[in-house]
Amino acid sequence: MKKEEVLRLKKAIESDRISMTAEGLDVILADVQAVLSDYFYITKKPTLEIKTQGDGYLVEIKVLAETLKTFAKIS
């Protein structure tokens, strides 16, 4: 097997490993929204994108917020 074919197969396997069901993504997004809503007034549901990068993953979370909430550090 050529090196390019091995790399393509490896990427395909990695993509399958990070494949999630819509329900799994919804659970993560609900948790993220719950945490961020402690700090921001969220105006749009967060989005989540997971990509392989090197030996790990790049996880991008985007959320639209109206403004920052007032909060204080708990000692």
Protein backbone atom coordinates (compact mmCIF):
# COMPACT_ATOMS: atom_id res chain seq x y z
CA MET A 1 0.00 0.00 0.00
CA LYS A 2 1.34 3.42 -0.94
CA LYS A 3 2.05 6.04 1.72
CA GLU A 4 -0.73 8.30 0.36
CA GLU A 5 -3.24 5.45 0.57
CA VAL A 6 -2.21 4.71 4.16
CA LEU A 7 -2.63 8.36 5.14
CA ARG A 8 -6.05 8.54 3.45
CA LEU A 9 -7.15 5.35 5.22
CA LYS A 10 -5.88 6.68 8.56
CA LYS A 11 -7.86 9.92 8.10
CA ALA A 12 -10.99 7.96 7.18
CA ILE A 13 -10.67 5.84 10.33
CA GLU A 14 -10.10 8.94 12.49
CA SER A 15 -13.16 10.60 10.97
CA ASP A 16 -15.25 7.56 11.79
CA ARG A 17 -14.01 7.61 15.38
CA ILE A 18 -15.13 11.18 15.93
CA SER A 19 -18.44 10.70 14.18
CA MET A 20 -21.17 11.49 16.64
CA THR A 21 -24.88 11.12 16.52
CA ALA A 22 -27.02 14.22 16.45
CA GLU A 23 -28.09 13.34 19.98
CA GLY A 24 -24.47 13.28 21.17
CA LEU A 25 -23.78 16.68 19.65
CA ASP A 26 -26.98 18.06 21.21
CA VAL A 27 -25.85 16.90 24.66
CA ILE A 28 -22.47 18.61 24.28
CA LEU A 29 -24.06 21.80 22.94
CA ALA A 30 -26.59 21.88 25.79
CA ASP A 31 -23.75 21.61 28.34
CA VAL A 32 -21.74 24.32 26.59
CA GLN A 33 -24.75 26.62 26.42
CA ALA A 34 -25.51 26.04 30.12
CA VAL A 35 -21.97 27.04 31.12
CA LEU A 36 -21.68 30.02 28.77
CA SER A 37 -25.10 31.33 29.77
CA ASP A 38 -23.65 31.92 33.25
CA TYR A 39 -21.39 34.56 31.67
CA PHE A 40 -23.21 35.77 28.54
CA TYR A 41 -26.72 36.53 27.32
CA ILE A 42 -26.76 34.05 24.46
CA THR A 43 -28.84 35.00 21.44
CA LYS A 44 -28.18 31.99 19.20
CA LYS A 45 -27.62 28.30 19.92
CA PRO A 46 -23.90 27.36 19.91
CA THR A 47 -22.43 25.41 17.02
CA LEU A 48 -19.79 22.72 17.34
CA GLU A 49 -17.27 21.47 14.81
CA ILE A 50 -14.75 18.68 15.48
CA LYS A 51 -11.85 18.07 13.07
CA THR A 52 -8.79 15.88 13.28
CA GLN A 53 -5.57 17.84 13.58
CA GLY A 54 -2.26 16.05 13.87
CA ASP A 55 -2.57 13.45 16.61
CA GLY A 56 -5.56 15.16 18.22
CA TYR A 57 -8.68 17.11 17.46
CA LEU A 58 -9.54 20.72 16.82
CA VAL A 59 -12.81 21.54 18.58
CA GLU A 60 -14.45 24.80 17.54
CA ILE A 61 -17.42 26.17 19.46
CA LYS A 62 -19.14 29.28 18.20
CA VAL A 63 -21.89 31.16 19.98
CA LEU A 64 -23.51 34.53 19.44
CA ALA A 65 -24.03 36.55 22.60
CA GLU A 66 -25.78 39.85 23.14
CA THR A 67 -23.74 41.02 26.10
CA LEU A 68 -21.59 39.90 29.00
CA LYS A 69 -23.29 39.25 32.34
CA THR A 70 -21.96 40.74 35.55
CA PHE A 71 -20.26 38.14 37.69
CA ALA A 72 -17.78 38.00 40.54
CA LYS A 73 -14.99 35.62 41.43
CA ILE A 74 -15.89 33.17 44.17
CA SER A 75 -13.12 32.79 46.73
